[in-house]
Amino acid sequence: MPSKSYQTSDYLQTPQDVALYIDAALQEDDPKLLLAALRDVVDSQGGMTMMAARTGLNRESLYKALSETGNPKLSTLFEIIKSLGLHLSVKAA
């Protein structure tokens, strides 16, 4: 029987799952890892088309911002986070 390949997005079912996943990526202090985590989250939420509709951002702009070479504006990150029902916070290191 063929096995199903692992997809991180299959395990991001609740807002709490998403929040913990993004927080873990942020803890690594690696912008590329954060972008990869956000791509996984977007996949779990219906993909770029769905995220574009939820944020009001252009789908192509989202693809570019969250690509491996992306460098999204802070306002784009805030729109994505807000659309997920989350907010960013800061704590002392």
C-alpha atoms as a PDB file:
ATOM      1  CA  MET A   1       0.000   0.000   0.000  1.00  0.00           C
ATOM      2  CA  PRO A   2       1.519   3.383  -0.960  1.00  0.00           C
ATOM      3  CA  SER A   3       2.145   5.691   1.946  1.00  0.00           C
ATOM      4  CA  LYS A   4       0.952   9.269   1.940  1.00  0.00           C
ATOM      5  CA  SER A   5       3.722  11.848   1.935  1.00  0.00           C
ATOM      6  CA  TYR A   6       4.042  14.052   4.992  1.00  0.00           C
ATOM      7  CA  GLN A   7       2.446  17.461   4.624  1.00  0.00           C
ATOM      8  CA  THR A   8       2.929  19.888   7.512  1.00  0.00           C
ATOM      9  CA  SER A   9      -0.248  21.686   6.505  1.00  0.00           C
ATOM     10  CA  ASP A  10      -2.254  18.521   7.339  1.00  0.00           C
ATOM     11  CA  TYR A  11      -1.399  19.075  11.011  1.00  0.00           C
ATOM     12  CA  LEU A  12      -2.318  22.757  11.227  1.00  0.00           C
ATOM     13  CA  GLN A  13      -5.997  22.276  11.968  1.00  0.00           C
ATOM     14  CA  THR A  14      -6.718  24.813  14.715  1.00  0.00           C
ATOM     15  CA  PRO A  15      -5.725  28.422  15.363  1.00  0.00           C
ATOM     16  CA  GLN A  16      -3.722  27.120  18.328  1.00  0.00           C
ATOM     17  CA  ASP A  17      -1.804  24.714  16.055  1.00  0.00           C
ATOM     18  CA  VAL A  18      -1.037  27.585  13.683  1.00  0.00           C
ATOM     19  CA  ALA A  19       0.014  29.928  16.495  1.00  0.00           C
ATOM     20  CA  LEU A  20       2.377  27.353  18.016  1.00  0.00           C
ATOM     21  CA  TYR A  21       3.877  26.543  14.613  1.00  0.00           C
ATOM     22  CA  ILE A  22       4.524  30.182  13.720  1.00  0.00           C
ATOM     23  CA  ASP A  23       5.869  30.885  17.208  1.00  0.00           C
ATOM     24  CA  ALA A  24       8.292  27.950  16.907  1.00  0.00           C
ATOM     25  CA  ALA A  25       9.520  29.332  13.570  1.00  0.00           C
ATOM     26  CA  LEU A  26       9.987  32.786  15.095  1.00  0.00           C
ATOM     27  CA  GLN A  27      12.056  31.300  17.934  1.00  0.00           C
ATOM     28  CA  GLU A  28      14.678  30.205  15.394  1.00  0.00           C
ATOM     29  CA  ASP A  29      15.460  33.804  14.338  1.00  0.00           C
ATOM     30  CA  ASP A  30      15.568  32.704  10.693  1.00  0.00           C
ATOM     31  CA  PRO A  31      13.452  34.736   8.244  1.00  0.00           C
ATOM     32  CA  LYS A  32      13.566  31.940   5.641  1.00  0.00           C
ATOM     33  CA  LEU A  33      12.152  29.486   8.178  1.00  0.00           C
ATOM     34  CA  LEU A  34       9.374  31.928   9.051  1.00  0.00           C
ATOM     35  CA  LEU A  35       8.475  32.291   5.359  1.00  0.00           C
ATOM     36  CA  ALA A  36       8.419  28.498   4.983  1.00  0.00           C
ATOM     37  CA  ALA A  37       6.151  28.201   8.029  1.00  0.00           C
ATOM     38  CA  LEU A  38       3.829  30.859   6.648  1.00  0.00           C
ATOM     39  CA  ARG A  39       3.673  29.001   3.323  1.00  0.00           C
ATOM     40  CA  ASP A  40       2.691  25.837   5.206  1.00  0.00           C
ATOM     41  CA  VAL A  41       0.020  27.752   7.091  1.00  0.00           C
ATOM     42  CA  VAL A  42      -1.348  29.322   3.904  1.00  0.00           C
ATOM     43  CA  ASP A  43      -1.531  25.833   2.359  1.00  0.00           C
ATOM     44  CA  SER A  44      -3.456  24.588   5.391  1.00  0.00           C
ATOM     45  CA  GLN A  45      -5.921  27.478   5.048  1.00  0.00           C
ATOM     46  CA  GLY A  46      -6.872  26.872   1.418  1.00  0.00           C
ATOM     47  CA  GLY A  47      -3.861  28.209  -0.473  1.00  0.00           C
ATOM     48  CA  MET A  48      -2.803  31.542  -1.903  1.00  0.00           C
ATOM     49  CA  THR A  49      -6.104  32.228  -3.663  1.00  0.00           C
ATOM     50  CA  MET A  50      -8.022  31.828  -0.407  1.00  0.00           C
ATOM     51  CA  MET A  51      -5.456  33.914   1.511  1.00  0.00           C
ATOM     52  CA  ALA A  52      -5.647  36.659  -1.121  1.00  0.00           C
ATOM     53  CA  ALA A  53      -9.416  36.786  -0.716  1.00  0.00           C
ATOM     54  CA  ARG A  54      -9.155  36.860   3.087  1.00  0.00           C
ATOM     55  CA  THR A  55      -6.468  39.557   3.215  1.00  0.00           C
ATOM     56  CA  GLY A  56      -7.449  41.662   0.204  1.00  0.00           C
ATOM     57  CA  LEU A  57      -3.878  41.290  -1.069  1.00  0.00           C
ATOM     58  CA  ASN A  58      -2.984  40.343  -4.630  1.00  0.00           C
ATOM     59  CA  ARG A  59      -2.394  36.584  -5.047  1.00  0.00           C
ATOM     60  CA  GLU A  60       0.751  37.095  -7.127  1.00  0.00           C
ATOM     61  CA  SER A  61       2.111  39.500  -4.514  1.00  0.00           C
ATOM     62  CA  LEU A  62       1.521  36.883  -1.823  1.00  0.00           C
ATOM     63  CA  TYR A  63       3.368  34.250  -3.860  1.00  0.00           C
ATOM     64  CA  LYS A  64       6.306  36.617  -4.277  1.00  0.00           C
ATOM     65  CA  ALA A  65       6.305  37.776  -0.634  1.00  0.00           C
ATOM     66  CA  LEU A  66       6.228  34.234   0.758  1.00  0.00           C
ATOM     67  CA  SER A  67       8.607  32.687  -1.775  1.00  0.00           C
ATOM     68  CA  GLU A  68      11.977  31.313  -0.689  1.00  0.00           C
ATOM     69  CA  THR A  69      13.549  34.565  -1.835  1.00  0.00           C
ATOM     70  CA  GLY A  70      10.689  36.724  -0.585  1.00  0.00           C
ATOM     71  CA  ASN A  71      11.104  39.776   1.580  1.00  0.00           C
ATOM     72  CA  PRO A  72       7.548  40.721   2.541  1.00  0.00           C
ATOM     73  CA  LYS A  73       6.595  44.107   3.864  1.00  0.00           C
ATOM     74  CA  LEU A  74       5.632  44.203   7.503  1.00  0.00           C
ATOM     75  CA  SER A  75       2.135  45.289   6.473  1.00  0.00           C
ATOM     76  CA  THR A  76       1.805  42.089   4.395  1.00  0.00           C
ATOM     77  CA  LEU A  77       2.841  39.940   7.357  1.00  0.00           C
ATOM     78  CA  PHE A  78       0.351  41.748   9.591  1.00  0.00           C
ATOM     79  CA  GLU A  79      -2.465  41.153   7.077  1.00  0.00           C
ATOM     80  CA  ILE A  80      -1.664  37.440   6.892  1.00  0.00           C
ATOM     81  CA  ILE A  81      -1.409  37.075  10.667  1.00  0.00           C
ATOM     82  CA  LYS A  82      -4.641  39.025  11.185  1.00  0.00           C
ATOM     83  CA  SER A  83      -6.488  36.911   8.611  1.00  0.00           C
ATOM     84  CA  LEU A  84      -5.485  33.816  10.595  1.00  0.00           C
ATOM     85  CA  GLY A  85      -7.160  35.207  13.702  1.00  0.00           C
ATOM     86  CA  LEU A  86      -3.776  35.766  15.355  1.00  0.00           C
ATOM     87  CA  HIS A  87      -1.709  38.726  16.504  1.00  0.00           C
ATOM     88  CA  LEU A  88       2.020  39.192  16.989  1.00  0.00           C
ATOM     89  CA  SER A  89       3.555  39.905  20.344  1.00  0.00           C
ATOM     90  CA  VAL A  90       7.052  40.400  21.674  1.00  0.00           C
ATOM     91  CA  LYS A  91       8.691  39.061  24.804  1.00  0.00           C
ATOM     92  CA  ALA A  92      12.091  39.538  26.367  1.00  0.00           C
ATOM     93  CA  ALA A  93      14.763  37.144  25.132  1.00  0.00           C
END
